[in-house]
Amino acid sequence: MKGTWKLEVGDPAPDFELTATGDTAGKGAQHKKIRLSDYRGKKNVVLAFYPAAFTPV
């Protein structure tokens, strides 16, 4: 799914896929893809967005 998502408070998050990071990130380890649907109904997931976290202000 590409494009802009418009979500309201309480809406379920759409499924998406990201490359996992961790202790071995950038050290030649195999990158693992993680999907939100891998955790749906199994674990609680918190999504946090920081739109300007890595920009100089």
N, C-alpha and C. Protein backbone atom coordinates (compact mmCIF):
# COMPACT_ATOMS: atom_id res chain seq x y z
N MET A 1 0.85 -1.17 0.00
CA MET A 1 0.00 0.00 0.00
C MET A 1 0.89 1.24 0.00
N LYS A 2 0.69 2.09 -0.95
CA LYS A 2 1.47 3.33 -1.03
C LYS A 2 0.53 4.50 -1.00
N GLY A 3 1.08 5.64 -0.69
CA GLY A 3 0.28 6.85 -0.69
C GLY A 3 0.11 7.40 0.71
N THR A 4 -0.86 8.26 0.84
CA THR A 4 -1.12 8.92 2.11
C THR A 4 -2.24 8.21 2.84
N TRP A 5 -2.03 7.95 4.12
CA TRP A 5 -3.06 7.31 4.94
C TRP A 5 -3.64 8.37 5.85
N LYS A 6 -4.95 8.41 5.94
CA LYS A 6 -5.59 9.31 6.88
C LYS A 6 -6.23 8.46 7.96
N LEU A 7 -5.68 8.54 9.15
CA LEU A 7 -6.17 7.76 10.27
C LEU A 7 -6.71 8.68 11.35
N GLU A 8 -7.70 8.20 12.03
CA GLU A 8 -8.27 8.90 13.17
C GLU A 8 -7.89 8.13 14.43
N VAL A 9 -7.94 8.80 15.57
CA VAL A 9 -7.65 8.14 16.84
C VAL A 9 -8.59 6.94 16.98
N GLY A 10 -8.02 5.79 17.31
CA GLY A 10 -8.80 4.58 17.49
C GLY A 10 -8.90 3.70 16.27
N ASP A 11 -8.50 4.21 15.09
CA ASP A 11 -8.52 3.40 13.87
C ASP A 11 -7.41 2.35 13.95
N PRO A 12 -7.67 1.15 13.42
CA PRO A 12 -6.58 0.17 13.36
C PRO A 12 -5.53 0.61 12.35
N ALA A 13 -4.28 0.37 12.66
CA ALA A 13 -3.19 0.76 11.76
C ALA A 13 -3.20 -0.16 10.54
N PRO A 14 -2.96 0.39 9.35
CA PRO A 14 -2.85 -0.46 8.16
C PRO A 14 -1.58 -1.29 8.23
N ASP A 15 -1.60 -2.43 7.57
CA ASP A 15 -0.43 -3.30 7.58
C ASP A 15 0.71 -2.61 6.81
N PHE A 16 1.94 -2.79 7.29
CA PHE A 16 3.11 -2.26 6.60
C PHE A 16 4.30 -3.15 6.92
N GLU A 17 5.37 -2.99 6.16
CA GLU A 17 6.57 -3.79 6.33
C GLU A 17 7.78 -2.87 6.48
N LEU A 18 8.66 -3.19 7.43
CA LEU A 18 9.89 -2.44 7.66
C LEU A 18 11.05 -3.40 7.83
N THR A 19 12.25 -2.91 7.62
CA THR A 19 13.45 -3.70 7.89
C THR A 19 13.80 -3.54 9.35
N ALA A 20 13.98 -4.66 10.03
CA ALA A 20 14.29 -4.64 11.46
C ALA A 20 15.69 -4.08 11.69
N THR A 21 15.85 -3.39 12.80
CA THR A 21 17.15 -2.91 13.23
C THR A 21 17.40 -3.47 14.63
N GLY A 22 18.59 -3.40 15.07
CA GLY A 22 18.92 -3.91 16.41
C GLY A 22 20.41 -3.95 16.59
N ASP A 23 20.88 -4.84 17.45
CA ASP A 23 22.30 -4.93 17.79
C ASP A 23 23.18 -5.22 16.58
N THR A 24 22.65 -5.95 15.58
CA THR A 24 23.47 -6.34 14.44
C THR A 24 23.25 -5.45 13.22
N ALA A 25 22.45 -4.42 13.33
CA ALA A 25 22.18 -3.54 12.20
C ALA A 25 23.48 -2.88 11.71
N GLY A 26 23.74 -2.97 10.43
CA GLY A 26 24.92 -2.36 9.84
C GLY A 26 26.21 -3.14 10.08
N LYS A 27 26.13 -4.33 10.63
CA LYS A 27 27.32 -5.12 10.93
C LYS A 27 27.38 -6.38 10.08
N GLY A 28 26.72 -6.37 8.92
CA GLY A 28 26.77 -7.50 8.01
C GLY A 28 25.76 -8.59 8.29
N ALA A 29 24.94 -8.44 9.30
CA ALA A 29 23.93 -9.45 9.59
C ALA A 29 22.80 -9.35 8.58
N GLN A 30 22.10 -10.45 8.40
CA GLN A 30 20.98 -10.46 7.47
C GLN A 30 19.87 -9.55 7.99
N HIS A 31 19.33 -8.74 7.10
CA HIS A 31 18.24 -7.84 7.47
C HIS A 31 16.94 -8.60 7.41
N LYS A 32 16.15 -8.54 8.46
CA LYS A 32 14.88 -9.25 8.53
C LYS A 32 13.74 -8.27 8.30
N LYS A 33 12.78 -8.67 7.47
CA LYS A 33 11.59 -7.86 7.24
C LYS A 33 10.56 -8.21 8.30
N ILE A 34 9.93 -7.18 8.85
CA ILE A 34 8.91 -7.35 9.87
C ILE A 34 7.63 -6.69 9.35
N ARG A 35 6.52 -7.38 9.49
CA ARG A 35 5.22 -6.82 9.09
C ARG A 35 4.38 -6.61 10.35
N LEU A 36 3.60 -5.56 10.35
CA LEU A 36 2.70 -5.32 11.48
C LEU A 36 1.75 -6.50 11.65
N SER A 37 1.32 -7.09 10.56
CA SER A 37 0.39 -8.22 10.63
C SER A 37 1.00 -9.44 11.33
N ASP A 38 2.34 -9.51 11.43
CA ASP A 38 2.99 -10.60 12.17
C ASP A 38 2.61 -10.57 13.65
N TYR A 39 2.24 -9.40 14.16
CA TYR A 39 1.96 -9.22 15.58
C TYR A 39 0.47 -9.01 15.88
N ARG A 40 -0.32 -8.76 14.85
CA ARG A 40 -1.75 -8.46 15.06
C ARG A 40 -2.43 -9.63 15.78
N GLY A 41 -3.06 -9.33 16.91
CA GLY A 41 -3.76 -10.32 17.70
C GLY A 41 -2.86 -11.17 18.59
N LYS A 42 -1.54 -10.97 18.51
CA LYS A 42 -0.61 -11.77 19.30
C LYS A 42 0.09 -10.95 20.38
N LYS A 43 0.45 -9.71 20.04
CA LYS A 43 1.17 -8.85 20.97
C LYS A 43 0.63 -7.43 20.85
N ASN A 44 0.85 -6.64 21.87
CA ASN A 44 0.51 -5.23 21.79
C ASN A 44 1.63 -4.50 21.08
N VAL A 45 1.27 -3.59 20.19
CA VAL A 45 2.25 -2.83 19.43
C VAL A 45 1.95 -1.34 19.61
N VAL A 46 2.98 -0.56 19.90
CA VAL A 46 2.83 0.89 20.02
C VAL A 46 3.58 1.53 18.86
N LEU A 47 2.89 2.37 18.11
CA LEU A 47 3.51 3.10 17.00
C LEU A 47 3.69 4.54 17.43
N ALA A 48 4.89 5.06 17.26
CA ALA A 48 5.18 6.45 17.59
C ALA A 48 5.82 7.11 16.38
N PHE A 49 5.38 8.30 16.04
CA PHE A 49 5.90 9.03 14.90
C PHE A 49 6.50 10.34 15.36
N TYR A 50 7.71 10.60 14.90
CA TYR A 50 8.42 11.83 15.22
C TYR A 50 8.78 12.51 13.91
N PRO A 51 7.86 13.29 13.34
CA PRO A 51 8.06 13.85 12.00
C PRO A 51 9.36 14.65 11.81
N ALA A 52 9.81 15.34 12.82
CA ALA A 52 11.02 16.17 12.65
C ALA A 52 12.15 15.72 13.57
N ALA A 53 12.17 14.46 13.93
CA ALA A 53 13.12 13.97 14.92
C ALA A 53 14.58 14.13 14.50
N PHE A 54 14.87 13.97 13.22
CA PHE A 54 16.26 14.01 12.78
C PHE A 54 16.55 15.20 11.87
N THR A 55 15.82 16.28 12.08
CA THR A 55 16.05 17.48 11.29
C THR A 55 16.52 18.60 12.20
N PRO A 56 17.44 19.40 11.73
CA PRO A 56 17.87 20.53 12.55
C PRO A 56 16.76 21.56 12.68
N VAL A 57 16.57 22.06 13.87
CA VAL A 57 15.51 23.04 14.10
C VAL A 57 16.13 24.34 14.56
